Protein backbone atom coordinates (compact mmCIF):
# COMPACT_ATOMS: atom_id res chain seq x y z
CA UNK A 1 34.06 15.52 54.72
CA UNK A 2 31.08 14.10 56.50
CA UNK A 3 29.35 13.67 53.13
CA UNK A 4 32.13 11.47 51.77
CA UNK A 5 31.93 8.99 54.64
CA UNK A 6 28.20 8.49 54.18
CA UNK A 7 27.42 5.14 52.56
CA UNK A 8 25.37 5.10 49.39
CA UNK A 9 23.11 2.11 48.95
CA UNK A 10 23.79 0.39 45.62
CA UNK A 11 21.39 -1.69 43.58
CA UNK A 12 21.86 -5.40 43.28
CA UNK A 13 22.54 -7.33 40.12
CA UNK A 14 19.00 -8.73 40.16
CA UNK A 15 17.43 -5.27 40.26
CA UNK A 16 19.63 -4.16 37.36
CA UNK A 17 18.62 -7.17 35.26
CA UNK A 18 14.93 -6.55 35.95
CA UNK A 19 15.31 -2.92 34.87
CA UNK A 20 17.05 -3.99 31.63
CA UNK A 21 14.27 -6.50 30.88
CA UNK A 22 11.60 -3.84 31.43
CA UNK A 23 13.38 -1.44 29.10
CA UNK A 24 13.67 -4.16 26.42
CA UNK A 25 9.96 -4.94 26.71
CA UNK A 26 9.13 -1.24 26.22
CA UNK A 27 11.38 -1.05 23.14
CA UNK A 28 9.78 -4.22 21.72
CA UNK A 29 6.28 -2.79 22.12
CA UNK A 30 7.38 0.47 20.53
CA UNK A 31 8.85 -1.43 17.57
CA UNK A 32 5.61 -3.37 17.01
CA UNK A 33 3.59 -0.15 17.11
CA UNK A 34 5.96 1.53 14.64
CA UNK A 35 5.76 -1.41 12.20
CA UNK A 36 1.94 -1.31 12.35
CA UNK A 37 1.95 2.41 11.63
CA UNK A 38 4.24 1.91 8.64
CA UNK A 39 2.00 -0.85 7.26
CA UNK A 40 -1.14 1.25 7.69
CA UNK A 41 0.41 3.84 5.38
CA UNK A 42 0.48 1.13 2.69
CA UNK A 43 -3.26 0.63 3.24
CA UNK A 44 -3.86 4.30 2.58
CA UNK A 45 -1.89 4.06 -0.66
CA UNK A 46 -3.97 1.00 -1.69
CA UNK A 47 -7.17 2.94 -1.02
CA UNK A 48 -5.93 5.87 -3.11
CA UNK A 49 -4.95 3.45 -5.90
CA UNK A 50 -8.41 1.82 -5.83
CA UNK A 51 -10.08 5.23 -6.07
CA UNK A 52 -7.93 6.20 -9.05
CA UNK A 53 -8.62 2.83 -10.75
CA UNK A 54 -12.35 3.42 -10.50
CA UNK A 55 -11.99 7.01 -11.73
CA UNK A 56 -9.95 5.84 -14.73
CA UNK A 57 -12.58 3.19 -15.51
CA UNK A 58 -15.35 5.80 -15.47
CA UNK A 59 -13.29 8.16 -17.63
CA UNK A 60 -12.54 5.35 -20.10
CA UNK A 61 -16.21 4.46 -20.42
CA UNK A 62 -17.38 8.08 -20.77
CA UNK A 63 -14.75 9.09 -23.32
CA UNK A 64 -14.68 5.67 -25.01
CA UNK A 65 -10.86 5.65 -25.01
CA UNK A 66 -10.39 1.92 -25.47
CA UNK A 67 -6.62 1.97 -25.89
CA UNK A 68 -3.74 0.72 -23.75
CA UNK A 69 -2.10 3.40 -21.65
CA UNK A 70 -0.06 4.09 -18.51
CA UNK A 71 -0.94 6.79 -16.00
CA UNK A 72 1.70 7.97 -13.50
CA UNK A 73 1.01 9.31 -10.00
CA UNK A 74 3.37 10.38 -7.23
CA UNK A 75 3.52 7.04 -5.39
CA UNK A 76 2.14 4.55 -7.93
CA UNK A 77 1.27 4.04 -11.59
CA UNK A 78 -1.74 2.53 -13.37
CA UNK A 79 -1.41 0.29 -16.42
CA UNK A 80 -4.56 0.00 -18.56
CA UNK A 81 -4.95 -2.77 -21.13
CA UNK A 82 -7.84 -3.56 -23.46
CA UNK A 83 -7.88 -7.05 -24.93
CA UNK A 84 -10.47 -9.07 -26.89
CA UNK A 85 -12.41 -11.44 -24.68
CA UNK A 86 -12.47 -15.03 -25.95
CA UNK A 87 -14.08 -15.25 -29.40
CA UNK A 88 -16.56 -12.42 -29.08
CA UNK A 89 -16.03 -9.62 -31.62
CA UNK A 90 -17.68 -6.92 -29.47
CA UNK A 91 -16.67 -8.03 -25.97
CA UNK A 92 -13.38 -6.78 -24.48
CA UNK A 93 -11.60 -7.17 -21.15
CA UNK A 94 -10.55 -3.90 -19.55
CA UNK A 95 -7.76 -4.58 -17.03
CA UNK A 96 -6.43 -1.85 -14.78
CA UNK A 97 -3.44 -2.59 -12.53
CA UNK A 98 -2.01 -0.20 -9.94
CA UNK A 99 1.64 -0.80 -9.01
CA UNK A 100 3.82 1.04 -6.53
CA UNK A 101 7.18 2.53 -7.42
CA UNK A 102 8.90 -0.65 -6.17
CA UNK A 103 6.77 -2.80 -8.55
CA UNK A 104 4.40 -4.11 -5.86
CA UNK A 105 0.85 -4.67 -7.15
CA UNK A 106 -1.47 -2.52 -5.04
CA UNK A 107 -4.79 -3.35 -6.69
CA UNK A 108 -6.34 -4.78 -9.84
CA UNK A 109 -9.61 -3.93 -11.51
CA UNK A 110 -11.09 -6.02 -14.36
CA UNK A 111 -14.33 -5.44 -16.25
CA UNK A 112 -15.89 -6.87 -19.37
CA UNK A 113 -17.03 -4.12 -21.68
CA UNK A 114 -19.15 -4.13 -24.79
CA UNK A 115 -17.59 -2.14 -27.63
CA UNK A 116 -19.94 -1.88 -30.56
CA UNK A 117 -18.21 -1.54 -33.90
CA UNK A 118 -19.71 1.09 -36.16
CA UNK A 119 -19.90 -0.03 -39.75
CA UNK A 120 -20.40 2.71 -42.35
């Protein structure tokens, strides 16, 4: 019974409001950190896309496969187009575009290439 008659000191309204504000500040900082982490993952996907664009360019030049094609990966796809450049008969524009699954352009790679026509 002696324990029930003992007075417990309560916190004031001002102390409660300060505690709520501190908790909100911590949640805000955590949200900013989480958003930055999520955006850095997109940077890693862009780097992977750039690496694959360069690898496809090298493969195209080595194998001389100057045709339009699409290459699918897990998180993005690459669209390759070959088009004549201005009025030159031997000069072509090789355009490689990496797009994510939600149609966001991750990276583009354009090169002018010389394709010599073989006449028999």
